[in-house]
Structure formats: structure tokens, C-alpha cells
Amino acid sequence: MVTLFFGCGGGAWLINKIGVWRAFSAGLLCALGALSSGITSVAIMTAGMRFASTDNQAGTDMTAVQSMRDIGEIACAMMLVSLTAIIGYRGGFGLAAMIVLFALLVTLVNVKYQKRYQSTK
């Protein structure tokens, strides 16, 4: 319920207020899992839809975005649960924090690349 009402609904509101990539970054930094999941899902789907609506992109691009998001979420959850069983909760949360920071770094690099790309068009 938190994911749907607050995460997705709040994510849509946040995207409208601060933009897609800032909302995605805020979702990554959010400590509440369900809220974070909703915000990042709405942000990444919005970015995918924007991409699919440009130039001559096929409608199947959205299927690829959704599929990769689902596969990534399932794979990460399975790996983190298994790893946490081995290294404990402290190690699991530490690893999850490192993954979030890596995703945030990739997002920031992507935003800079997009700005540079848009200015050359």
C-alpha cells in the first residue's frame, strides 16, 4: 500500500515538481524501502516513456524497460537475501547502501551526458 499510494503517487508528484532524474535520485536516497521502490519505479518508467516517444523508437522499448526493471528487482532481492544469510544484516544493509550509491553515481553521470547531448542537438 505504501508503494502504491505514497511511493508511486508521491513519485509522480515529485517528478512534476523537481524532474525525473532528481526524483529518481531522491527515491534512491530514501531509507524507506516501499516508498523508495514506488518513487524509483515511477521515475524510471517516466524516463523510459520519454525515450520511447522520441524519434522513431518502437513501442516495444517500454516492454524492455519494464522487463529489465522486474528482472533486476527480482535478481537483487534474491541475491541480497542469500548474501544477508551469509554475511548478516549489517553486511547486507552495507552492500545495499553501496549499490544505491553506485546507482546514484550512474544516474548523475547519465544526467550530465543527457544535458551535453541535448545541447549539441
PDB file of N, CA and C in Angstrom:
ATOM      1  N   MET A   1       0.823  -1.195   0.000  1.00  0.00           N
ATOM      2  CA  MET A   1       0.000   0.000   0.000  1.00  0.00           C
ATOM      3  C   MET A   1       0.867   1.260   0.000  1.00  0.00           C
ATOM      4  N   VAL A   2       1.957   1.226   0.777  1.00  0.00           N
ATOM      5  CA  VAL A   2       2.855   2.387   0.823  1.00  0.00           C
ATOM      6  C   VAL A   2       3.470   2.628  -0.553  1.00  0.00           C
ATOM      7  N   THR A   3       3.878   1.523  -1.203  1.00  0.00           N
ATOM      8  CA  THR A   3       4.472   1.654  -2.542  1.00  0.00           C
ATOM      9  C   THR A   3       3.500   2.301  -3.506  1.00  0.00           C
ATOM     10  N   LEU A   4       2.258   1.815  -3.517  1.00  0.00           N
ATOM     11  CA  LEU A   4       1.277   2.319  -4.480  1.00  0.00           C
ATOM     12  C   LEU A   4       0.844   3.746  -4.192  1.00  0.00           C
ATOM     13  N   PHE A   5       0.383   3.998  -2.977  1.00  0.00           N
ATOM     14  CA  PHE A   5      -0.187   5.306  -2.679  1.00  0.00           C
ATOM     15  C   PHE A   5       0.863   6.397  -2.488  1.00  0.00           C
ATOM     16  N   PHE A   6       1.835   6.119  -1.648  1.00  0.00           N
ATOM     17  CA  PHE A   6       2.811   7.160  -1.335  1.00  0.00           C
ATOM     18  C   PHE A   6       4.010   7.152  -2.282  1.00  0.00           C
ATOM     19  N   GLY A   7       4.498   5.959  -2.596  1.00  0.00           N
ATOM     20  CA  GLY A   7       5.658   5.866  -3.475  1.00  0.00           C
ATOM     21  C   GLY A   7       5.341   6.267  -4.902  1.00  0.00           C
ATOM     22  N   CYS A   8       4.365   5.599  -5.504  1.00  0.00           N
ATOM     23  CA  CYS A   8       4.021   5.901  -6.900  1.00  0.00           C
ATOM     24  C   CYS A   8       3.317   7.248  -7.027  1.00  0.00           C
ATOM     25  N   GLY A   9       2.335   7.479  -6.167  1.00  0.00           N
ATOM     26  CA  GLY A   9       1.638   8.777  -6.197  1.00  0.00           C
ATOM     27  C   GLY A   9       2.562   9.924  -5.857  1.00  0.00           C
ATOM     28  N   GLY A  10       3.361   9.739  -4.813  1.00  0.00           N
ATOM     29  CA  GLY A  10       4.327  10.766  -4.431  1.00  0.00           C
ATOM     30  C   GLY A  10       5.418  10.922  -5.473  1.00  0.00           C
ATOM     31  N   GLY A  11       5.792   9.810  -6.100  1.00  0.00           N
ATOM     32  CA  GLY A  11       6.806   9.872  -7.158  1.00  0.00           C
ATOM     33  C   GLY A  11       6.332  10.694  -8.343  1.00  0.00           C
ATOM     34  N   ALA A  12       5.067  10.496  -8.738  1.00  0.00           N
ATOM     35  CA  ALA A  12       4.509  11.283  -9.845  1.00  0.00           C
ATOM     36  C   ALA A  12       4.487  12.766  -9.487  1.00  0.00           C
ATOM     37  N   TRP A  13       4.096  13.068  -8.267  1.00  0.00           N
ATOM     38  CA  TRP A  13       4.077  14.470  -7.803  1.00  0.00           C
ATOM     39  C   TRP A  13       5.502  15.029  -7.790  1.00  0.00           C
ATOM     40  N   LEU A  14       6.444  14.236  -7.287  1.00  0.00           N
ATOM     41  CA  LEU A  14       7.840  14.662  -7.191  1.00  0.00           C
ATOM     42  C   LEU A  14       8.437  14.911  -8.568  1.00  0.00           C
ATOM     43  N   ILE A  15       8.143  14.038  -9.537  1.00  0.00           N
ATOM     44  CA  ILE A  15       8.635  14.229 -10.900  1.00  0.00           C
ATOM     45  C   ILE A  15       8.126  15.542 -11.462  1.00  0.00           C
ATOM     46  N   ASN A  16       6.875  15.851 -11.204  1.00  0.00           N
ATOM     47  CA  ASN A  16       6.288  17.104 -11.674  1.00  0.00           C
ATOM     48  C   ASN A  16       6.970  18.316 -11.045  1.00  0.00           C
ATOM     49  N   LYS A  17       7.380  18.175  -9.793  1.00  0.00           N
ATOM     50  CA  LYS A  17       7.984  19.306  -9.074  1.00  0.00           C
ATOM     51  C   LYS A  17       9.478  19.492  -9.345  1.00  0.00           C
ATOM     52  N   ILE A  18      10.241  18.377  -9.376  1.00  0.00           N
ATOM     53  CA  ILE A  18      11.704  18.521  -9.465  1.00  0.00           C
ATOM     54  C   ILE A  18      12.334  17.820 -10.663  1.00  0.00           C
ATOM     55  N   GLY A  19      11.553  17.110 -11.442  1.00  0.00           N
ATOM     56  CA  GLY A  19      12.092  16.446 -12.624  1.00  0.00           C
ATOM     57  C   GLY A  19      12.358  14.970 -12.378  1.00  0.00           C
ATOM     58  N   VAL A  20      12.464  14.256 -13.477  1.00  0.00           N
ATOM     59  CA  VAL A  20      12.569  12.803 -13.430  1.00  0.00           C
ATOM     60  C   VAL A  20      13.823  12.306 -12.717  1.00  0.00           C
ATOM     61  N   TRP A  21      14.980  12.822 -13.076  1.00  0.00           N
ATOM     62  CA  TRP A  21      16.218  12.271 -12.524  1.00  0.00           C
ATOM     63  C   TRP A  21      16.460  12.711 -11.091  1.00  0.00           C
ATOM     64  N   ARG A  22      16.012  13.895 -10.737  1.00  0.00           N
ATOM     65  CA  ARG A  22      16.117  14.297  -9.327  1.00  0.00           C
ATOM     66  C   ARG A  22      15.171  13.463  -8.465  1.00  0.00           C
ATOM     67  N   ALA A  23      13.979  13.179  -8.988  1.00  0.00           N
ATOM     68  CA  ALA A  23      13.036  12.328  -8.255  1.00  0.00           C
ATOM     69  C   ALA A  23      13.602  10.915  -8.113  1.00  0.00           C
ATOM     70  N   PHE A  24      14.206  10.402  -9.183  1.00  0.00           N
ATOM     71  CA  PHE A  24      14.830   9.076  -9.120  1.00  0.00           C
ATOM     72  C   PHE A  24      15.924   9.058  -8.058  1.00  0.00           C
ATOM     73  N   SER A  25      16.756  10.102  -8.050  1.00  0.00           N
ATOM     74  CA  SER A  25      17.826  10.193  -7.048  1.00  0.00           C
ATOM     75  C   SER A  25      17.258  10.270  -5.640  1.00  0.00           C
ATOM     76  N   ALA A  26      16.190  11.036  -5.459  1.00  0.00           N
ATOM     77  CA  ALA A  26      15.544  11.126  -4.145  1.00  0.00           C
ATOM     78  C   ALA A  26      15.006   9.765  -3.725  1.00  0.00           C
ATOM     79  N   GLY A  27      14.440   9.024  -4.671  1.00  0.00           N
ATOM     80  CA  GLY A  27      13.951   7.683  -4.372  1.00  0.00           C
ATOM     81  C   GLY A  27      15.079   6.750  -3.964  1.00  0.00           C
ATOM     82  N   LEU A  28      16.221   6.861  -4.626  1.00  0.00           N
ATOM     83  CA  LEU A  28      17.379   6.032  -4.259  1.00  0.00           C
ATOM     84  C   LEU A  28      17.855   6.344  -2.845  1.00  0.00           C
ATOM     85  N   LEU A  29      17.809   7.602  -2.478  1.00  0.00           N
ATOM     86  CA  LEU A  29      18.315   8.011  -1.172  1.00  0.00           C
ATOM     87  C   LEU A  29      17.308   7.802  -0.041  1.00  0.00           C
ATOM     88  N   CYS A  30      16.079   7.507  -0.381  1.00  0.00           N
ATOM     89  CA  CYS A  30      15.029   7.307   0.617  1.00  0.00           C
ATOM     90  C   CYS A  30      15.305   6.023   1.400  1.00  0.00           C
ATOM     91  N   ALA A  31      15.234   6.100   2.718  1.00  0.00           N
ATOM     92  CA  ALA A  31      15.538   4.932   3.560  1.00  0.00           C
ATOM     93  C   ALA A  31      14.369   3.974   3.689  1.00  0.00           C
ATOM     94  N   LEU A  32      13.192   4.371   3.299  1.00  0.00           N
ATOM     95  CA  LEU A  32      12.015   3.518   3.438  1.00  0.00           C
ATOM     96  C   LEU A  32      11.828   2.724   2.148  1.00  0.00           C
ATOM     97  N   GLY A  33      12.000   1.413   2.214  1.00  0.00           N
ATOM     98  CA  GLY A  33      12.020   0.555   1.038  1.00  0.00           C
ATOM     99  C   GLY A  33      10.823   0.683   0.116  1.00  0.00           C
ATOM    100  N   ALA A  34       9.607   0.582   0.650  1.00  0.00           N
ATOM    101  CA  ALA A  34       8.412   0.626  -0.198  1.00  0.00           C
ATOM    102  C   ALA A  34       8.251   1.994  -0.841  1.00  0.00           C
ATOM    103  N   LEU A  35       8.523   3.045  -0.112  1.00  0.00           N
ATOM    104  CA  LEU A  35       8.434   4.402  -0.652  1.00  0.00           C
ATOM    105  C   LEU A  35       9.474   4.588  -1.749  1.00  0.00           C
ATOM    106  N   SER A  36      10.678   4.137  -1.491  1.00  0.00           N
ATOM    107  CA  SER A  36      11.771   4.228  -2.464  1.00  0.00           C
ATOM    108  C   SER A  36      11.434   3.457  -3.734  1.00  0.00           C
ATOM    109  N   SER A  37      10.897   2.271  -3.580  1.00  0.00           N
ATOM    110  CA  SER A  37      10.546   1.437  -4.730  1.00  0.00           C
ATOM    111  C   SER A  37       9.506   2.114  -5.610  1.00  0.00           C
ATOM    112  N   GLY A  38       8.504   2.715  -4.997  1.00  0.00           N
ATOM    113  CA  GLY A  38       7.465   3.408  -5.763  1.00  0.00           C
ATOM    114  C   GLY A  38       8.003   4.604  -6.517  1.00  0.00           C
ATOM    115  N   ILE A  39       8.803   5.424  -5.844  1.00  0.00           N
ATOM    116  CA  ILE A  39       9.345   6.634  -6.467  1.00  0.00           C
ATOM    117  C   ILE A  39      10.277   6.275  -7.622  1.00  0.00           C
ATOM    118  N   THR A  40      11.198   5.349  -7.392  1.00  0.00           N
ATOM    119  CA  THR A  40      12.145   4.997  -8.443  1.00  0.00           C
ATOM    120  C   THR A  40      11.447   4.314  -9.620  1.00  0.00           C
ATOM    121  N   SER A  41      10.420   3.504  -9.341  1.00  0.00           N
ATOM    122  CA  SER A  41       9.683   2.846 -10.424  1.00  0.00           C
ATOM    123  C   SER A  41       8.986   3.858 -11.314  1.00  0.00           C
ATOM    124  N   VAL A  42       8.299   4.812 -10.703  1.00  0.00           N
ATOM    125  CA  VAL A  42       7.597   5.829 -11.486  1.00  0.00           C
ATOM    126  C   VAL A  42       8.600   6.672 -12.274  1.00  0.00           C
ATOM    127  N   ALA A  43       9.720   7.021 -11.655  1.00  0.00           N
ATOM    128  CA  ALA A  43      10.720   7.848 -12.332  1.00  0.00           C
ATOM    129  C   ALA A  43      11.332   7.112 -13.525  1.00  0.00           C
ATOM    130  N   ILE A  44      11.709   5.850 -13.338  1.00  0.00           N
ATOM    131  CA  ILE A  44      12.367   5.135 -14.426  1.00  0.00           C
ATOM    132  C   ILE A  44      11.385   4.832 -15.555  1.00  0.00           C
ATOM    133  N   MET A  45      10.134   4.575 -15.218  1.00  0.00           N
ATOM    134  CA  MET A  45       9.134   4.349 -16.269  1.00  0.00           C
ATOM    135  C   MET A  45       8.848   5.647 -17.028  1.00  0.00           C
ATOM    136  N   THR A  46       8.832   6.774 -16.324  1.00  0.00           N
ATOM    137  CA  THR A  46       8.643   8.063 -16.991  1.00  0.00           C
ATOM    138  C   THR A  46       9.796   8.337 -17.950  1.00  0.00           C
ATOM    139  N   ALA A  47      11.018   8.080 -17.491  1.00  0.00           N
ATOM    140  CA  ALA A  47      12.187   8.277 -18.358  1.00  0.00           C
ATOM    141  C   ALA A  47      12.116   7.359 -19.574  1.00  0.00           C
ATOM    142  N   GLY A  48      11.713   6.119 -19.360  1.00  0.00           N
ATOM    143  CA  GLY A  48      11.581   5.184 -20.475  1.00  0.00           C
ATOM    144  C   GLY A  48      10.521   5.621 -21.476  1.00  0.00           C
ATOM    145  N   MET A  49       9.398   6.114 -20.970  1.00  0.00           N
ATOM    146  CA  MET A  49       8.339   6.591 -21.864  1.00  0.00           C
ATOM    147  C   MET A  49       8.780   7.817 -22.652  1.00  0.00           C
ATOM    148  N   ARG A  50       9.522   8.691 -22.005  1.00  0.00           N
ATOM    149  CA  ARG A  50      10.051   9.859 -22.724  1.00  0.00           C
ATOM    150  C   ARG A  50      10.982   9.419 -23.843  1.00  0.00           C
ATOM    151  N   PHE A  51      11.846   8.449 -23.538  1.00  0.00           N
ATOM    152  CA  PHE A  51      12.758   7.943 -24.549  1.00  0.00           C
ATOM    153  C   PHE A  51      11.993   7.291 -25.691  1.00  0.00           C
ATOM    154  N   ALA A  52      10.998   6.479 -25.362  1.00  0.00           N
ATOM    155  CA  ALA A  52      10.234   5.767 -26.385  1.00  0.00           C
ATOM    156  C   ALA A  52       9.427   6.722 -27.266  1.00  0.00           C
ATOM    157  N   SER A  53       9.120   7.900 -26.756  1.00  0.00           N
ATOM    158  CA  SER A  53       8.308   8.839 -27.535  1.00  0.00           C
ATOM    159  C   SER A  53       9.149   9.721 -28.462  1.00  0.00           C
ATOM    160  N   THR A  54      10.466   9.600 -28.397  1.00  0.00           N
ATOM    161  CA  THR A  54      11.332  10.413 -29.258  1.00  0.00           C
ATOM    162  C   THR A  54      11.660   9.688 -30.541  1.00  0.00           C
ATOM    163  N   ASP A  55      11.908  10.450 -31.572  1.00  0.00           N
ATOM    164  CA  ASP A  55      12.352   9.931 -32.867  1.00  0.00           C
ATOM    165  C   ASP A  55      11.514   8.749 -33.343  1.00  0.00           C
ATOM    166  N   ASN A  56      12.171   7.696 -33.777  1.00  0.00           N
ATOM    167  CA  ASN A  56      11.484   6.527 -34.337  1.00  0.00           C
ATOM    168  C   ASN A  56      11.632   5.309 -33.427  1.00  0.00           C
ATOM    169  N   GLN A  57      11.441   5.486 -32.147  1.00  0.00           N
ATOM    170  CA  GLN A  57      11.569   4.378 -31.211  1.00  0.00           C
ATOM    171  C   GLN A  57      10.339   3.477 -31.294  1.00  0.00           C
ATOM    172  N   ALA A  58      10.589   2.201 -31.183  1.00  0.00           N
ATOM    173  CA  ALA A  58       9.483   1.238 -31.212  1.00  0.00           C
ATOM    174  C   ALA A  58       8.763   1.218 -29.871  1.00  0.00           C
ATOM    175  N   GLY A  59       7.491   0.880 -29.896  1.00  0.00           N
ATOM    176  CA  GLY A  59       6.714   0.765 -28.660  1.00  0.00           C
ATOM    177  C   GLY A  59       7.229  -0.340 -27.766  1.00  0.00           C
ATOM    178  N   THR A  60       7.945  -1.291 -28.344  1.00  0.00           N
ATOM    179  CA  THR A  60       8.491  -2.391 -27.544  1.00  0.00           C
ATOM    180  C   THR A  60       9.599  -1.917 -26.606  1.00  0.00           C
ATOM    181  N   ASP A  61      10.090  -0.714 -26.804  1.00  0.00           N
ATOM    182  CA  ASP A  61      11.104  -0.180 -25.883  1.00  0.00           C
ATOM    183  C   ASP A  61      10.586  -0.169 -24.455  1.00  0.00           C
ATOM    184  N   MET A  62       9.304   0.141 -24.277  1.00  0.00           N
ATOM    185  CA  MET A  62       8.731   0.170 -22.929  1.00  0.00           C
ATOM    186  C   MET A  62       8.666  -1.227 -22.337  1.00  0.00           C
ATOM    187  N   THR A  63       8.428  -2.206 -23.165  1.00  0.00           N
ATOM    188  CA  THR A  63       8.426  -3.590 -22.679  1.00  0.00           C
ATOM    189  C   THR A  63       9.813  -3.962 -22.185  1.00  0.00           C
ATOM    190  N   ALA A  64      10.839  -3.538 -22.904  1.00  0.00           N
ATOM    191  CA  ALA A  64      12.211  -3.820 -22.486  1.00  0.00           C
ATOM    192  C   ALA A  64      12.525  -3.144 -21.155  1.00  0.00           C
ATOM    193  N   VAL A  65      12.094  -1.888 -20.997  1.00  0.00           N
ATOM    194  CA  VAL A  65      12.335  -1.166 -19.736  1.00  0.00           C
ATOM    195  C   VAL A  65      11.643  -1.881 -18.583  1.00  0.00           C
ATOM    196  N   GLN A  66      10.378  -2.227 -18.758  1.00  0.00           N
ATOM    197  CA  GLN A  66       9.621  -2.899 -17.699  1.00  0.00           C
ATOM    198  C   GLN A  66      10.222  -4.256 -17.366  1.00  0.00           C
ATOM    199  N   SER A  67      10.588  -5.008 -18.388  1.00  0.00           N
ATOM    200  CA  SER A  67      11.159  -6.336 -18.158  1.00  0.00           C
ATOM    201  C   SER A  67      12.487  -6.251 -17.414  1.00  0.00           C
ATOM    202  N   MET A  68      13.348  -5.342 -17.823  1.00  0.00           N
ATOM    203  CA  MET A  68      14.646  -5.199 -17.154  1.00  0.00           C
ATOM    204  C   MET A  68      14.481  -4.726 -15.709  1.00  0.00           C
ATOM    205  N   ARG A  69      13.520  -3.853 -15.474  1.00  0.00           N
ATOM    206  CA  ARG A  69      13.258  -3.390 -14.109  1.00  0.00           C
ATOM    207  C   ARG A  69      12.810  -4.560 -13.243  1.00  0.00           C
ATOM    208  N   ASP A  70      11.886  -5.359 -13.753  1.00  0.00           N
ATOM    209  CA  ASP A  70      11.385  -6.501 -12.986  1.00  0.00           C
ATOM    210  C   ASP A  70      12.468  -7.544 -12.748  1.00  0.00           C
ATOM    211  N   ILE A  71      13.227  -7.867 -13.795  1.00  0.00           N
ATOM    212  CA  ILE A  71      14.305  -8.851 -13.653  1.00  0.00           C
ATOM    213  C   ILE A  71      15.352  -8.351 -12.660  1.00  0.00           C
ATOM    214  N   GLY A  72      15.714  -7.085 -12.767  1.00  0.00           N
ATOM    215  CA  GLY A  72      16.693  -6.514 -11.847  1.00  0.00           C
ATOM    216  C   GLY A  72      16.215  -6.531 -10.408  1.00  0.00           C
ATOM    217  N   GLU A  73      14.953  -6.210 -10.199  1.00  0.00           N
ATOM    218  CA  GLU A  73      14.403  -6.197  -8.844  1.00  0.00           C
ATOM    219  C   GLU A  73      14.386  -7.602  -8.245  1.00  0.00           C
ATOM    220  N   ILE A  74      13.965  -8.567  -9.038  1.00  0.00           N
ATOM    221  CA  ILE A  74      13.924  -9.958  -8.562  1.00  0.00           C
ATOM    222  C   ILE A  74      15.337 -10.469  -8.274  1.00  0.00           C
ATOM    223  N   ALA A  75      16.258 -10.224  -9.203  1.00  0.00           N
ATOM    224  CA  ALA A  75      17.635 -10.706  -9.031  1.00  0.00           C
ATOM    225  C   ALA A  75      18.296 -10.066  -7.810  1.00  0.00           C
ATOM    226  N   CYS A  76      18.123  -8.762  -7.645  1.00  0.00           N
ATOM    227  CA  CYS A  76      18.727  -8.080  -6.488  1.00  0.00           C
ATOM    228  C   CYS A  76      18.142  -8.589  -5.180  1.00  0.00           C
ATOM    229  N   ALA A  77      16.836  -8.773  -5.138  1.00  0.00           N
ATOM    230  CA  ALA A  77      16.209  -9.263  -3.914  1.00  0.00           C
ATOM    231  C   ALA A  77      16.717 -10.656  -3.561  1.00  0.00           C
ATOM    232  N   MET A  78      16.804 -11.529  -4.548  1.00  0.00           N
ATOM    233  CA  MET A  78      17.294 -12.883  -4.295  1.00  0.00           C
ATOM    234  C   MET A  78      18.746 -12.868  -3.816  1.00  0.00           C
ATOM    235  N   MET A  79      19.564 -12.076  -4.492  1.00  0.00           N
ATOM    236  CA  MET A  79      20.980 -12.044  -4.116  1.00  0.00           C
ATOM    237  C   MET A  79      21.176 -11.439  -2.733  1.00  0.00           C
ATOM    238  N   LEU A  80      20.456 -10.362  -2.441  1.00  0.00           N
ATOM    239  CA  LEU A  80      20.637  -9.728  -1.134  1.00  0.00           C
ATOM    240  C   LEU A  80      20.142 -10.612   0.001  1.00  0.00           C
ATOM    241  N   VAL A  81      19.042 -11.334  -0.206  1.00  0.00           N
ATOM    242  CA  VAL A  81      18.551 -12.244   0.831  1.00  0.00           C
ATOM    243  C   VAL A  81      19.568 -13.358   1.062  1.00  0.00           C
ATOM    244  N   SER A  82      20.070 -13.933  -0.008  1.00  0.00           N
ATOM    245  CA  SER A  82      21.069 -15.005   0.116  1.00  0.00           C
ATOM    246  C   SER A  82      22.346 -14.494   0.759  1.00  0.00           C
ATOM    247  N   LEU A  83      22.793 -13.343   0.316  1.00  0.00           N
ATOM    248  CA  LEU A  83      24.023 -12.778   0.865  1.00  0.00           C
ATOM    249  C   LEU A  83      23.864 -12.383   2.329  1.00  0.00           C
ATOM    250  N   THR A  84      22.706 -11.850   2.666  1.00  0.00           N
ATOM    251  CA  THR A  84      22.449 -11.461   4.054  1.00  0.00           C
ATOM    252  C   THR A  84      22.464 -12.690   4.955  1.00  0.00           C
ATOM    253  N   ALA A  85      21.994 -13.824   4.451  1.00  0.00           N
ATOM    254  CA  ALA A  85      22.050 -15.060   5.234  1.00  0.00           C
ATOM    255  C   ALA A  85      23.494 -15.444   5.543  1.00  0.00           C
ATOM    256  N   ILE A  86      24.397 -15.089   4.637  1.00  0.00           N
ATOM    257  CA  ILE A  86      25.807 -15.430   4.824  1.00  0.00           C
ATOM    258  C   ILE A  86      26.541 -14.369   5.648  1.00  0.00           C
ATOM    259  N   ILE A  87      26.353 -13.098   5.319  1.00  0.00           N
ATOM    260  CA  ILE A  87      27.146 -12.036   5.967  1.00  0.00           C
ATOM    261  C   ILE A  87      26.386 -11.265   7.044  1.00  0.00           C
ATOM    262  N   GLY A  88      25.129 -11.574   7.251  1.00  0.00           N
ATOM    263  CA  GLY A  88      24.346 -10.920   8.299  1.00  0.00           C
ATOM    264  C   GLY A  88      23.675  -9.642   7.808  1.00  0.00           C
ATOM    265  N   TYR A  89      22.807  -9.120   8.658  1.00  0.00           N
ATOM    266  CA  TYR A  89      22.051  -7.924   8.291  1.00  0.00           C
ATOM    267  C   TYR A  89      22.940  -6.701   8.095  1.00  0.00           C
ATOM    268  N   ARG A  90      23.916  -6.531   8.951  1.00  0.00           N
ATOM    269  CA  ARG A  90      24.809  -5.367   8.837  1.00  0.00           C
ATOM    270  C   ARG A  90      25.507  -5.360   7.479  1.00  0.00           C
ATOM    271  N   GLY A  91      26.049  -6.501   7.089  1.00  0.00           N
ATOM    272  CA  GLY A  91      26.708  -6.608   5.790  1.00  0.00           C
ATOM    273  C   GLY A  91      25.732  -6.432   4.637  1.00  0.00           C
ATOM    274  N   GLY A  92      24.528  -7.001   4.782  1.00  0.00           N
ATOM    275  CA  GLY A  92      23.505  -6.870   3.742  1.00  0.00           C
ATOM    276  C   GLY A  92      23.079  -5.427   3.538  1.00  0.00           C
ATOM    277  N   PHE A  93      22.838  -4.717   4.642  1.00  0.00           N
ATOM    278  CA  PHE A  93      22.466  -3.306   4.525  1.00  0.00           C
ATOM    279  C   PHE A  93      23.623  -2.467   4.000  1.00  0.00           C
ATOM    280  N   GLY A  94      24.837  -2.818   4.404  1.00  0.00           N
ATOM    281  CA  GLY A  94      26.010  -2.104   3.890  1.00  0.00           C
ATOM    282  C   GLY A  94      26.165  -2.280   2.391  1.00  0.00           C
ATOM    283  N   LEU A  95      25.990  -3.519   1.928  1.00  0.00           N
ATOM    284  CA  LEU A  95      26.078  -3.782   0.498  1.00  0.00           C
ATOM    285  C   LEU A  95      24.961  -3.067  -0.257  1.00  0.00           C
ATOM    286  N   ALA A  96      23.752  -3.097   0.296  1.00  0.00           N
ATOM    287  CA  ALA A  96      22.632  -2.395  -0.343  1.00  0.00           C
ATOM    288  C   ALA A  96      22.930  -0.899  -0.445  1.00  0.00           C
ATOM    289  N   ALA A  97      23.538  -0.329   0.591  1.00  0.00           N
ATOM    290  CA  ALA A  97      23.895   1.098   0.565  1.00  0.00           C
ATOM    291  C   ALA A  97      24.928   1.379  -0.527  1.00  0.00           C
ATOM    292  N   MET A  98      25.884   0.474  -0.694  1.00  0.00           N
ATOM    293  CA  MET A  98      26.887   0.657  -1.750  1.00  0.00           C
ATOM    294  C   MET A  98      26.239   0.570  -3.134  1.00  0.00           C
ATOM    295  N   ILE A  99      25.299  -0.348  -3.297  1.00  0.00           N
ATOM    296  CA  ILE A  99      24.596  -0.471  -4.575  1.00  0.00           C
ATOM    297  C   ILE A  99      23.814   0.804  -4.870  1.00  0.00           C
ATOM    298  N   VAL A 100      23.166   1.357  -3.861  1.00  0.00           N
ATOM    299  CA  VAL A 100      22.415   2.603  -4.034  1.00  0.00           C
ATOM    300  C   VAL A 100      23.349   3.732  -4.441  1.00  0.00           C
ATOM    301  N   LEU A 101      24.485   3.842  -3.784  1.00  0.00           N
ATOM    302  CA  LEU A 101      25.437   4.898  -4.129  1.00  0.00           C
ATOM    303  C   LEU A 101      25.961   4.730  -5.557  1.00  0.00           C
ATOM    304  N   PHE A 102      26.198   3.490  -5.973  1.00  0.00           N
ATOM    305  CA  PHE A 102      26.629   3.231  -7.344  1.00  0.00           C
ATOM    306  C   PHE A 102      25.533   3.648  -8.329  1.00  0.00           C
ATOM    307  N   ALA A 103      24.280   3.283  -8.030  1.00  0.00           N
ATOM    308  CA  ALA A 103      23.162   3.660  -8.901  1.00  0.00           C
ATOM    309  C   ALA A 103      23.020   5.172  -8.964  1.00  0.00           C
ATOM    310  N   LEU A 104      23.236   5.849  -7.853  1.00  0.00           N
ATOM    311  CA  LEU A 104      23.175   7.311  -7.828  1.00  0.00           C
ATOM    312  C   LEU A 104      24.285   7.912  -8.680  1.00  0.00           C
ATOM    313  N   LEU A 105      25.478   7.349  -8.612  1.00  0.00           N
ATOM    314  CA  LEU A 105      26.593   7.824  -9.433  1.00  0.00           C
ATOM    315  C   LEU A 105      26.287   7.637 -10.916  1.00  0.00           C
ATOM    316  N   VAL A 106      25.764   6.472 -11.286  1.00  0.00           N
ATOM    317  CA  VAL A 106      25.394   6.212 -12.680  1.00  0.00           C
ATOM    318  C   VAL A 106      24.327   7.207 -13.137  1.00  0.00           C
ATOM    319  N   THR A 107      23.370   7.499 -12.267  1.00  0.00           N
ATOM    320  CA  THR A 107      22.312   8.457 -12.593  1.00  0.00           C
ATOM    321  C   THR A 107      22.887   9.845 -12.833  1.00  0.00           C
ATOM    322  N   LEU A 108      23.783  10.289 -11.971  1.00  0.00           N
ATOM    323  CA  LEU A 108      24.378  11.620 -12.131  1.00  0.00           C
ATOM    324  C   LEU A 108      25.194  11.716 -13.420  1.00  0.00           C
ATOM    325  N   VAL A 109      25.947  10.677 -13.735  1.00  0.00           N
ATOM    326  CA  VAL A 109      26.711  10.653 -14.984  1.00  0.00           C
ATOM    327  C   VAL A 109      25.758  10.691 -16.179  1.00  0.00           C
ATOM    328  N   ASN A 110      24.665   9.944 -16.100  1.00  0.00           N
ATOM    329  CA  ASN A 110      23.674   9.915 -17.170  1.00  0.00           C
ATOM    330  C   ASN A 110      23.036  11.290 -17.376  1.00  0.00           C
ATOM    331  N   VAL A 111      22.711  11.970 -16.297  1.00  0.00           N
ATOM    332  CA  VAL A 111      22.097  13.303 -16.405  1.00  0.00           C
ATOM    333  C   VAL A 111      23.060  14.268 -17.080  1.00  0.00           C
ATOM    334  N   LYS A 112      24.330  14.232 -16.702  1.00  0.00           N
ATOM    335  CA  LYS A 112      25.326  15.104 -17.337  1.00  0.00           C
ATOM    336  C   LYS A 112      25.472  14.775 -18.819  1.00  0.00           C
ATOM    337  N   TYR A 113      25.468  13.486 -19.153  1.00  0.00           N
ATOM    338  CA  TYR A 113      25.565  13.061 -20.546  1.00  0.00           C
ATOM    339  C   TYR A 113      24.362  13.562 -21.333  1.00  0.00           C
ATOM    340  N   GLN A 114      23.177  13.416 -20.774  1.00  0.00           N
ATOM    341  CA  GLN A 114      21.963  13.859 -21.468  1.00  0.00           C
ATOM    342  C   GLN A 114      21.965  15.365 -21.697  1.00  0.00           C
ATOM    343  N   LYS A 115      22.417  16.120 -20.705  1.00  0.00           N
ATOM    344  CA  LYS A 115      22.481  17.576 -20.867  1.00  0.00           C
ATOM    345  C   LYS A 115      23.450  17.941 -21.986  1.00  0.00           C
ATOM    346  N   ARG A 116      24.594  17.275 -22.024  1.00  0.00           N
ATOM    347  CA  ARG A 116      25.584  17.525 -23.064  1.00  0.00           C
ATOM    348  C   ARG A 116      25.010  17.133 -24.429  1.00  0.00           C
ATOM    349  N   TYR A 117      24.313  16.013 -24.498  1.00  0.00           N
ATOM    350  CA  TYR A 117      23.724  15.526 -25.735  1.00  0.00           C
ATOM    351  C   TYR A 117      22.633  16.494 -26.226  1.00  0.00           C
ATOM    352  N   GLN A 118      21.808  16.970 -25.307  1.00  0.00           N
ATOM    353  CA  GLN A 118      20.726  17.901 -25.670  1.00  0.00           C
ATOM    354  C   GLN A 118      21.278  19.230 -26.173  1.00  0.00           C
ATOM    355  N   SER A 119      22.405  19.666 -25.629  1.00  0.00           N
ATOM    356  CA  SER A 119      22.966  20.955 -26.048  1.00  0.00           C
ATOM    357  C   SER A 119      23.613  20.867 -27.436  1.00  0.00           C
ATOM    358  N   THR A 120      23.972  19.664 -27.884  1.00  0.00           N
ATOM    359  CA  THR A 120      24.560  19.508 -29.214  1.00  0.00           C
ATOM    360  C   THR A 120      23.522  19.299 -30.301  1.00  0.00           C
ATOM    361  N   LYS A 121      22.281  19.072 -29.927  1.00  0.00           N
ATOM    362  CA  LYS A 121      21.208  18.849 -30.911  1.00  0.00           C
ATOM    363  C   LYS A 121      20.791  20.108 -31.592  1.00  0.00           C
TER     364      LYS A 121
END
